């Protein structure tokens, strides 16, 4: 719902959809609408304050952690969303660790403050237990609970009141009374954090007894990049409260490809090299593959250097073969906009690549390089596929191969000893989604059963 509200704020959609109605831009697959949860990463884009946002909305369930890991590899900023009632989950800790390992700055968004029994101080304490005392609120809810429409803005020392019509529009007024005292105290603490991000600022802070508003704002971006503190925002996605201010801060102080202008890669001789944003030769990393009905196979990619255009010939360093780039698209869920070219730092999708798989690097120029692949967790739960109709073995086999091609954390094998097809996944929900995809997309009749146990017999004494 947070991404839905962002699209509404930016004017990409005129009216917000809902999870129960299955009408959100992000969760458009049938399995997502039936279960009312995200199963697959969805790519969206919008403009805000003359900045382009590429938004990758990932599932929160640990069963689908591969989707988040692939998206984090190509991201510049991680928005870690925590539900105000439910708190930090298993998946939250996993994506936090991955973002930290990838050196990606993090924002925390505590969502759903329009629900009953929400407690900001309790939520903040719980989050700080997990992620440290450097978690710092840039916005606080004034009237949390049903009817929530006011946010205390630490950066502006103001109370922001939202229209309440899901438009995301708001008015501002100076904080007074107890709110003014609290925001002043937080504002001073923020200035101290920002002073810590630079030695020269620290000297000026002690010499002047503080920093000016201009100095503070000029150095906020640097402090966020160094993660001197972790910004926290309070929102209500369903009613579009607090989202516009979150987008303001991302546009002004968040991350862009310029903040990570080079990445490590390996050349053809196995030597470590750097791929720079300013390099003229195109280098692409494919972080997701997805098959769409009536459309074919889509490969999601990020351009790390140069530019890619329709019809260009690139070299796949993993498959050691050339690949012709087909039609390039910008996506907003299932809505696709064709573009002739994409530049360095941008994210898009290309249709019908012949040999390229998730994790492959495509590059142009005379010096091929390979970007490091995402390391996905191994499956930890297994089941056997039982077919109720004879003669569907080939369809099942081709379906499993295609699904593994899309999701590397799902494995399968035909066990000749047990005479069963064993599928392995990240959890029970993951297994159910795979079986459901097989039935729906490949029209086969299968169910999940417990695998048989391998029994052994041996002679234990002479006779």
Protein backbone atom coordinates (compact mmCIF):
# COMPACT_ATOMS: atom_id res chain seq x y z
CA UNK A 1 0.00 0.00 0.00
CA UNK A 2 2.98 2.30 0.54
CA UNK A 3 4.00 1.99 -3.12
CA UNK A 4 0.36 2.46 -4.17
CA UNK A 5 0.25 5.72 -2.19
CA UNK A 6 3.53 6.86 -3.80
CA UNK A 7 2.06 6.31 -7.26
CA UNK A 8 -1.05 8.29 -6.25
CA UNK A 9 1.03 11.19 -4.89
CA UNK A 10 3.00 11.35 -8.15
CA UNK A 11 -0.16 11.30 -10.26
CA UNK A 12 0.67 7.99 -11.96
CA UNK A 13 -2.70 6.62 -10.84
CA UNK A 14 -5.87 8.68 -10.31
CA UNK A 15 -7.33 6.42 -7.66
CA UNK A 16 -5.70 4.10 -5.13
CA UNK A 17 -6.49 0.40 -5.30
CA UNK A 18 -6.83 -1.95 -2.33
CA UNK A 19 -5.39 -5.30 -1.27
CA UNK A 20 -8.76 -6.89 -0.46
CA UNK A 21 -10.12 -5.87 -3.88
CA UNK A 22 -6.97 -7.13 -5.64
CA UNK A 23 -6.70 -3.80 -7.45
CA UNK A 24 -3.23 -2.51 -6.46
CA UNK A 25 -0.66 -1.81 -9.16
CA UNK A 26 1.97 -3.93 -7.44
CA UNK A 27 0.12 -7.16 -6.62
CA UNK A 28 -1.36 -7.95 -10.01
CA UNK A 29 -0.58 -11.67 -10.27
CA UNK A 30 -3.42 -14.09 -9.62
CA UNK A 31 -1.53 -15.89 -6.81
CA UNK A 32 -0.98 -12.52 -5.07
CA UNK A 33 -4.60 -11.45 -5.38
CA UNK A 34 -5.88 -14.82 -4.11
CA UNK A 35 -3.60 -14.82 -1.07
CA UNK A 36 -3.60 -11.02 -0.55
CA UNK A 37 0.19 -10.97 -0.13
CA UNK A 38 3.12 -10.10 -2.40
CA UNK A 39 4.82 -13.09 -4.02
CA UNK A 40 6.96 -11.42 -6.67
CA UNK A 41 9.02 -8.22 -6.92
CA UNK A 42 7.16 -5.57 -8.93
CA UNK A 43 8.93 -2.75 -10.76
CA UNK A 44 7.34 0.72 -10.77
CA UNK A 45 8.52 4.22 -11.63
CA UNK A 46 7.37 7.79 -11.05
CA UNK A 47 8.64 11.37 -10.93
CA UNK A 48 8.75 13.49 -7.78
CA UNK A 49 10.33 16.94 -7.50
CA UNK A 50 11.95 16.45 -10.94
CA UNK A 51 13.59 13.20 -9.79
CA UNK A 52 12.86 9.78 -11.22
CA UNK A 53 12.10 7.04 -8.69
CA UNK A 54 12.52 3.39 -9.62
CA UNK A 55 10.55 1.49 -6.97
CA UNK A 56 11.00 -2.26 -6.48
CA UNK A 57 8.18 -3.53 -4.28
CA UNK A 58 9.30 -6.83 -2.72
CA UNK A 59 7.45 -9.54 -0.75
CA UNK A 60 7.88 -9.43 3.02
CA UNK A 61 7.49 -13.17 3.66
CA UNK A 62 10.76 -15.02 4.33
CA UNK A 63 9.57 -17.74 1.89
CA UNK A 64 10.14 -15.27 -0.97
CA UNK A 65 13.42 -13.79 0.29
CA UNK A 66 15.03 -14.37 -3.13
CA UNK A 67 12.89 -11.57 -4.58
CA UNK A 68 14.18 -9.06 -2.02
CA UNK A 69 17.81 -10.21 -2.34
CA UNK A 70 17.74 -9.72 -6.12
CA UNK A 71 16.13 -6.29 -5.81
CA UNK A 72 18.57 -5.13 -3.12
CA UNK A 73 21.50 -5.98 -5.38
CA UNK A 74 20.43 -3.31 -7.89
CA UNK A 75 19.05 -0.72 -5.43
CA UNK A 76 20.55 2.53 -4.14
CA UNK A 77 18.29 2.88 -1.10
CA UNK A 78 16.39 0.33 1.01
CA UNK A 79 12.97 1.36 2.39
CA UNK A 80 12.42 -1.19 5.15
CA UNK A 81 8.70 -1.21 5.95
CA UNK A 82 7.49 -2.26 9.42
CA UNK A 83 3.82 -2.62 10.35
CA UNK A 84 2.89 -0.43 13.34
CA UNK A 85 0.98 -3.30 15.00
CA UNK A 86 3.09 -6.31 14.05
CA UNK A 87 6.61 -4.92 14.50
CA UNK A 88 9.85 -6.31 13.07
CA UNK A 89 9.48 -9.70 11.36
CA UNK A 90 11.88 -12.47 10.31
CA UNK A 91 11.99 -11.10 6.77
CA UNK A 92 12.77 -7.61 8.11
CA UNK A 93 15.96 -8.81 9.81
CA UNK A 94 17.02 -10.71 6.68
CA UNK A 95 16.66 -7.77 4.28
CA UNK A 96 18.31 -5.42 6.80
CA UNK A 97 21.36 -7.68 6.96
CA UNK A 98 21.52 -7.94 3.16
CA UNK A 99 21.24 -4.16 2.68
CA UNK A 100 24.01 -3.61 5.22
CA UNK A 101 26.28 -6.16 3.51
CA UNK A 102 25.68 -4.44 0.15
CA UNK A 103 26.49 -1.01 1.64
CA UNK A 104 23.02 0.35 0.83
CA UNK A 105 21.66 3.18 3.05
CA UNK A 106 18.41 2.33 4.80
CA UNK A 107 15.24 4.21 5.71
CA UNK A 108 12.66 2.68 8.05
CA UNK A 109 8.98 3.32 7.35
CA UNK A 110 6.54 2.37 10.12
CA UNK A 111 3.28 1.98 8.25
CA UNK A 112 -0.40 1.65 9.21
CA UNK A 113 -0.60 4.24 12.02
CA UNK A 114 -4.28 4.60 11.12
CA UNK A 115 -5.01 1.21 12.75
CA UNK A 116 -6.26 0.76 16.30
CA UNK A 117 -3.89 0.14 19.25
CA UNK A 118 -0.83 1.68 17.61
CA UNK A 119 1.85 3.04 19.94
CA UNK A 120 4.68 5.06 18.40
CA UNK A 121 7.02 5.00 21.41
CA UNK A 122 6.59 1.24 21.78
CA UNK A 123 7.23 0.72 18.03
CA UNK A 124 10.36 2.92 18.12
CA UNK A 125 11.75 1.07 21.16
CA UNK A 126 11.10 -2.31 19.49
CA UNK A 127 12.86 -1.21 16.28
CA UNK A 128 15.82 0.20 18.21
CA UNK A 129 16.19 -3.14 20.00
CA UNK A 130 16.74 -4.73 16.58
CA UNK A 131 18.65 -2.07 14.70
CA UNK A 132 20.31 0.12 17.33
CA UNK A 133 19.87 3.50 19.00
CA UNK A 134 20.85 5.35 15.82
CA UNK A 135 17.32 4.86 14.46
CA UNK A 136 16.00 8.43 14.48
CA UNK A 137 12.43 9.59 13.71
CA UNK A 138 12.15 12.35 11.10
CA UNK A 139 8.35 12.24 11.35
CA UNK A 140 6.13 11.26 14.31
CA UNK A 141 2.38 10.59 14.42
CA UNK A 142 0.39 13.27 16.28
CA UNK A 143 -2.99 11.50 16.38
CA UNK A 144 -2.21 7.81 15.74
CA UNK A 145 -5.19 5.48 15.38
CA UNK A 146 -8.40 5.65 13.29
CA UNK A 147 -8.64 9.16 11.82
CA UNK A 148 -4.83 9.60 11.81
CA UNK A 149 -4.01 12.63 9.63
CA UNK A 150 -1.33 14.68 11.44
CA UNK A 151 2.44 14.18 11.44
CA UNK A 152 5.10 16.04 13.43
CA UNK A 153 7.91 16.98 11.01
CA UNK A 154 11.34 17.15 12.71
CA UNK A 155 13.14 18.68 9.72
CA UNK A 156 10.69 21.57 9.41
CA UNK A 157 9.67 21.95 13.08
CA UNK A 158 6.06 21.82 11.90
CA UNK A 159 2.84 19.84 12.17
CA UNK A 160 1.76 18.50 8.77
CA UNK A 161 -2.00 17.96 8.36
CA UNK A 162 -3.18 15.75 5.49
CA UNK A 163 -6.40 16.27 3.59
CA UNK A 164 -7.64 12.74 4.35
CA UNK A 165 -8.93 12.16 0.80
CA UNK A 166 -6.02 9.82 -0.21
CA UNK A 167 -4.58 12.55 -2.45
CA UNK A 168 -1.48 12.92 -0.26
CA UNK A 169 -1.89 16.72 -0.16
CA UNK A 170 -1.05 18.46 3.09
CA UNK A 171 -0.84 21.83 4.87
CA UNK A 172 1.76 22.90 7.43
CA UNK A 173 1.57 24.85 10.68
CA UNK A 174 4.11 25.72 13.34
CA UNK A 175 4.30 23.20 16.19
CA UNK A 176 3.11 24.58 19.55
CA UNK A 177 3.12 23.55 23.20
CA UNK A 178 4.41 20.07 24.06
CA UNK A 179 4.81 19.24 20.36
CA UNK A 180 7.09 22.25 19.89
CA UNK A 181 9.25 21.12 22.82
CA UNK A 182 9.55 17.59 21.49
CA UNK A 183 10.36 18.60 17.93
CA UNK A 184 12.96 21.12 19.16
CA UNK A 185 14.68 18.44 21.22
CA UNK A 186 14.72 16.03 18.25
CA UNK A 187 15.90 18.78 15.89
CA UNK A 188 18.91 19.48 18.13
CA UNK A 189 19.72 15.77 18.29
CA UNK A 190 19.55 15.59 14.49
CA UNK A 191 22.04 18.45 14.19
CA UNK A 192 24.43 16.53 16.47
CA UNK A 193 24.15 13.43 14.29
CA UNK A 194 24.83 15.46 11.14
CA UNK A 195 27.86 17.12 12.77
CA UNK A 196 29.29 13.63 13.40
CA UNK A 197 29.31 12.88 9.65
CA UNK A 198 32.19 15.29 8.95
CA UNK A 199 35.22 16.39 11.01
CA UNK A 200 35.03 20.00 9.77
CA UNK A 201 31.34 20.15 10.73
CA UNK A 202 32.13 18.71 14.14
CA UNK A 203 34.71 21.47 14.77
CA UNK A 204 32.21 24.11 13.63
CA UNK A 205 29.51 22.54 15.84
CA UNK A 206 31.68 22.86 18.96
CA UNK A 207 32.95 26.33 18.01
CA UNK A 208 29.47 27.74 17.31
CA UNK A 209 27.54 25.60 19.77
CA UNK A 210 25.50 24.19 16.86
CA UNK A 211 24.97 24.32 13.10
CA UNK A 212 22.87 26.67 11.03
CA UNK A 213 19.78 25.34 9.25
CA UNK A 214 21.58 25.68 5.90
CA UNK A 215 24.64 23.75 7.12
CA UNK A 216 22.44 21.05 8.58
CA UNK A 217 20.44 20.55 5.40
CA UNK A 218 23.54 20.72 3.17
CA UNK A 219 25.13 17.83 5.07
CA UNK A 220 22.01 15.70 5.62
CA UNK A 221 22.59 13.71 2.44
CA UNK A 222 26.16 12.81 3.49
CA UNK A 223 25.02 11.76 6.96
CA UNK A 224 22.40 9.46 5.43
CA UNK A 225 24.92 7.91 3.02
CA UNK A 226 27.31 7.20 5.90
CA UNK A 227 24.35 5.92 7.97
CA UNK A 228 25.40 8.09 10.90
CA UNK A 229 21.72 7.72 11.78
CA UNK A 230 18.85 5.69 10.32
CA UNK A 231 15.90 7.94 9.33
CA UNK A 232 12.49 6.65 10.43
CA UNK A 233 9.15 7.84 9.00
CA UNK A 234 5.56 7.28 10.13
CA UNK A 235 2.89 6.70 7.48
CA UNK A 236 -0.52 5.22 6.76
CA UNK A 237 -0.35 3.78 3.26
CA UNK A 238 -4.06 2.94 2.88
CA UNK A 239 -5.12 6.52 3.63
CA UNK A 240 -1.99 8.11 2.06
CA UNK A 241 -0.86 9.94 5.21
CA UNK A 242 2.81 10.89 5.59
CA UNK A 243 3.85 9.44 2.22
CA UNK A 244 4.38 12.74 0.39
CA UNK A 245 6.84 13.97 3.04
CA UNK A 246 8.70 10.66 2.83
CA UNK A 247 9.01 11.17 -0.93
CA UNK A 248 10.20 14.76 -0.38
CA UNK A 249 13.07 13.55 1.80
CA UNK A 250 14.00 10.76 -0.66
CA UNK A 251 14.08 13.26 -3.54
CA UNK A 252 16.19 15.82 -1.65
CA UNK A 253 18.44 13.68 0.55
CA UNK A 254 18.10 10.07 -0.57
CA UNK A 255 20.41 7.93 -2.69
CA UNK A 256 20.93 7.87 -6.45
CA UNK A 257 23.30 5.94 -8.76
CA UNK A 258 25.75 8.86 -8.40
CA UNK A 259 26.28 7.87 -4.75
CA UNK A 260 27.53 4.44 -5.82
CA UNK A 261 29.34 5.33 -9.06
CA UNK A 262 31.38 2.13 -9.32
CA UNK A 263 30.92 -1.56 -8.61
CA UNK A 264 33.36 -4.46 -8.46
CA UNK A 265 33.49 -6.96 -11.31
CA UNK A 266 35.76 -9.70 -12.70
CA UNK A 267 37.30 -9.54 -16.18
CA UNK A 268 37.90 -12.44 -18.58
CA UNK A 269 41.22 -13.32 -16.90
CA UNK A 270 39.71 -13.46 -13.42
CA UNK A 271 41.13 -10.12 -12.29
CA UNK A 272 39.19 -7.66 -10.13
CA UNK A 273 38.12 -4.57 -12.10
CA UNK A 274 35.74 -1.65 -11.52
CA UNK A 275 32.68 -0.83 -13.61
CA UNK A 276 32.07 2.91 -13.46
CA UNK A 277 28.88 4.83 -14.09
CA UNK A 278 30.77 7.03 -16.57
CA UNK A 279 32.23 4.15 -18.64
CA UNK A 280 31.03 4.29 -22.27
CA UNK A 281 30.58 0.52 -22.73
CA UNK A 282 27.24 -0.92 -21.58
CA UNK A 283 27.21 -3.33 -18.61
CA UNK A 284 23.87 -4.82 -17.45
CA UNK A 285 22.99 -7.11 -14.57
CA UNK A 286 19.84 -9.27 -14.87
CA UNK A 287 18.34 -9.57 -11.38
CA UNK A 288 14.99 -11.20 -12.15
CA UNK A 289 13.31 -13.30 -14.82
CA UNK A 290 9.55 -13.59 -15.09
CA UNK A 291 7.19 -15.26 -17.53
CA UNK A 292 4.01 -13.34 -18.34
CA UNK A 293 0.92 -14.80 -19.99
CA UNK A 294 0.33 -13.46 -23.52
CA UNK A 295 3.61 -11.58 -23.35
CA UNK A 296 6.48 -14.00 -22.94
CA UNK A 297 9.56 -13.91 -20.78
CA UNK A 298 10.71 -10.64 -19.23
CA UNK A 299 14.23 -10.04 -17.92
CA UNK A 300 14.56 -7.26 -15.33
CA UNK A 301 17.94 -5.51 -15.44
CA UNK A 302 19.93 -2.54 -14.18
CA UNK A 303 22.36 -0.62 -16.39
CA UNK A 304 25.64 -0.07 -14.52
CA UNK A 305 27.48 1.78 -17.28
CA UNK A 306 26.94 3.05 -20.81
CA UNK A 307 23.49 2.75 -22.34
CA UNK A 308 21.47 -0.03 -23.89
CA UNK A 309 19.12 0.31 -26.83
CA UNK A 310 16.72 -1.81 -28.81
CA UNK A 311 18.47 -4.09 -31.30
CA UNK A 312 21.97 -3.81 -29.79
CA UNK A 313 24.21 -6.90 -29.58
CA UNK A 314 25.63 -7.66 -26.12
CA UNK A 315 27.80 -10.48 -24.80
CA UNK A 316 26.58 -12.78 -22.02
CA UNK A 317 29.71 -13.57 -20.02
CA UNK A 318 28.06 -16.46 -18.11
CA UNK A 319 26.83 -18.25 -21.25
CA UNK A 320 29.74 -17.06 -23.42
CA UNK A 321 27.44 -16.13 -26.24
CA UNK A 322 26.02 -12.98 -27.78
CA UNK A 323 22.50 -11.80 -27.02
CA UNK A 324 20.37 -9.42 -29.03
CA UNK A 325 18.38 -6.90 -27.01
CA UNK A 326 14.70 -6.88 -27.86
CA UNK A 327 12.07 -4.33 -26.94
CA UNK A 328 12.93 -2.40 -23.74
CA UNK A 329 10.19 -1.45 -21.29
CA UNK A 330 9.61 0.72 -18.26
CA UNK A 331 7.10 -0.98 -15.97
CA UNK A 332 4.36 0.06 -13.59
CA UNK A 333 3.11 -3.33 -12.49
CA UNK A 334 1.57 -4.92 -15.57
CA UNK A 335 1.54 -1.61 -17.48
CA UNK A 336 4.46 -1.43 -19.90
CA UNK A 337 5.86 1.59 -21.68
CA UNK A 338 8.23 0.97 -24.57
CA UNK A 339 11.44 3.06 -24.63
CA UNK A 340 14.21 3.08 -27.27
CA UNK A 341 17.11 3.27 -24.80
CA UNK A 342 18.07 3.22 -21.10
CA UNK A 343 21.09 4.96 -19.58
CA UNK A 344 23.49 4.14 -16.76
CA UNK A 345 21.85 3.80 -13.35
CA UNK A 346 18.38 3.11 -14.74
CA UNK A 347 16.26 -0.04 -14.35
CA UNK A 348 14.00 -1.63 -16.95
CA UNK A 349 12.93 -4.90 -18.54
CA UNK A 350 13.60 -6.53 -21.88
CA UNK A 351 11.48 -9.14 -23.58
CA UNK A 352 12.44 -12.57 -25.00
CA UNK A 353 16.16 -12.94 -24.39
CA UNK A 354 17.21 -16.33 -25.75
CA UNK A 355 19.90 -17.60 -23.36
CA UNK A 356 20.09 -15.09 -20.51
CA UNK A 357 19.11 -16.17 -17.00
CA UNK A 358 18.80 -14.52 -13.59
CA UNK A 359 22.21 -13.42 -12.33
CA UNK A 360 23.83 -13.09 -15.78
CA UNK A 361 25.91 -10.09 -16.88
CA UNK A 362 25.48 -8.60 -20.36
CA UNK A 363 28.15 -6.26 -21.67
CA UNK A 364 29.38 -4.52 -24.79
CA UNK A 365 32.85 -3.43 -25.82
CA UNK A 366 36.00 -5.48 -26.24
CA UNK A 367 36.62 -6.25 -22.55
CA UNK A 368 33.91 -8.52 -21.11
CA UNK A 369 33.30 -8.32 -17.35
CA UNK A 370 31.15 -10.31 -14.93
CA UNK A 371 29.31 -8.73 -12.01
CA UNK A 372 29.03 -10.89 -8.86
CA UNK A 373 25.89 -12.98 -8.61
CA UNK A 374 23.45 -12.81 -5.74
CA UNK A 375 23.96 -15.66 -3.28
CA UNK A 376 20.56 -17.19 -2.61
CA UNK A 377 19.78 -19.35 0.44
CA UNK A 378 19.44 -23.10 -0.03
CA UNK A 379 15.98 -24.69 0.20
CA UNK A 380 15.01 -26.07 3.59
CA UNK A 381 11.70 -27.85 2.95
CA UNK A 382 10.88 -30.65 0.51
CA UNK A 383 7.78 -32.23 -1.00
CA UNK A 384 6.92 -34.72 -3.71
CA UNK A 385 4.79 -33.86 -6.73
CA UNK A 386 2.02 -36.36 -7.33
CA UNK A 387 0.22 -36.25 -10.66
CA UNK A 388 -3.39 -37.41 -10.80
CA UNK A 389 -3.49 -37.63 -14.61
CA UNK A 390 -1.19 -39.87 -16.66
CA UNK A 391 0.75 -38.54 -19.63
CA UNK A 392 1.49 -35.09 -18.16
CA UNK A 393 5.11 -35.86 -17.22
CA UNK A 394 6.61 -33.76 -20.04
CA UNK A 395 4.40 -30.76 -19.23
CA UNK A 396 5.33 -31.00 -15.54
CA UNK A 397 9.04 -31.24 -16.39
CA UNK A 398 8.98 -28.20 -18.70
CA UNK A 399 6.94 -26.24 -16.13
CA UNK A 400 9.39 -27.00 -13.32
CA UNK A 401 12.34 -25.99 -15.52
CA UNK A 402 10.66 -22.67 -16.36
CA UNK A 403 9.78 -21.94 -12.72
CA UNK A 404 13.35 -22.66 -11.58
CA UNK A 405 14.58 -20.35 -14.32
CA UNK A 406 12.48 -17.59 -12.73
CA UNK A 407 13.20 -18.45 -9.08
CA UNK A 408 16.72 -19.77 -8.26
CA UNK A 409 15.76 -20.58 -4.63
CA UNK A 410 13.40 -23.31 -5.86
CA UNK A 411 15.04 -26.63 -6.86
CA UNK A 412 13.67 -29.91 -8.19
CA UNK A 413 14.97 -33.38 -9.05
CA UNK A 414 13.61 -36.71 -10.26
CA UNK A 415 14.67 -39.34 -7.71
CA UNK A 416 15.08 -42.62 -9.59
CA UNK A 417 15.28 -44.63 -6.36
CA UNK A 418 12.10 -43.25 -4.83
CA UNK A 419 10.47 -42.83 -8.26
CA UNK A 420 9.24 -39.40 -7.25
CA UNK A 421 9.75 -35.80 -8.39
CA UNK A 422 11.08 -33.93 -5.36
CA UNK A 423 10.64 -30.15 -5.16
CA UNK A 424 12.54 -28.08 -2.60
CA UNK A 425 11.71 -24.53 -1.49
CA UNK A 426 12.11 -21.92 1.27
CA UNK A 427 8.89 -22.77 3.12
CA UNK A 428 5.41 -24.30 2.90
CA UNK A 429 3.91 -21.18 1.36
CA UNK A 430 6.68 -21.15 -1.26
CA UNK A 431 5.86 -24.79 -2.15
CA UNK A 432 2.14 -24.01 -2.43
CA UNK A 433 2.78 -21.05 -4.75
CA UNK A 434 4.99 -23.22 -7.00
CA UNK A 435 2.37 -25.98 -7.20
CA UNK A 436 -0.32 -23.38 -7.88
CA UNK A 437 1.78 -21.84 -10.68
CA UNK A 438 2.25 -25.28 -12.26
CA UNK A 439 -1.49 -25.96 -12.27
CA UNK A 440 -2.51 -22.53 -13.53
CA UNK A 441 0.18 -21.80 -16.11
CA UNK A 442 0.85 -25.29 -17.47
CA UNK A 443 -2.58 -26.86 -16.97
CA UNK A 444 -1.34 -29.95 -15.14
CA UNK A 445 -3.01 -31.85 -12.30
CA UNK A 446 -0.53 -32.12 -9.45
CA UNK A 447 -0.60 -32.07 -5.66
CA UNK A 448 2.06 -31.93 -2.97
CA UNK A 449 2.63 -35.02 -0.80
CA UNK A 450 5.33 -36.06 1.66
CA UNK A 451 8.38 -37.62 -0.01
CA UNK A 452 9.00 -41.32 0.59
CA UNK A 453 11.84 -42.34 2.89
CA UNK A 454 14.82 -44.24 1.52
CA UNK A 455 15.05 -47.52 3.43
CA UNK A 456 18.22 -49.65 3.37
CA UNK A 457 18.70 -53.30 4.23
CA UNK A 458 21.97 -55.01 5.00
CA UNK A 459 23.24 -58.39 6.27
CA UNK A 460 24.24 -57.83 9.89
CA UNK A 461 25.62 -61.34 10.80
CA UNK A 462 26.79 -64.60 9.28
CA UNK A 463 24.38 -67.46 8.88
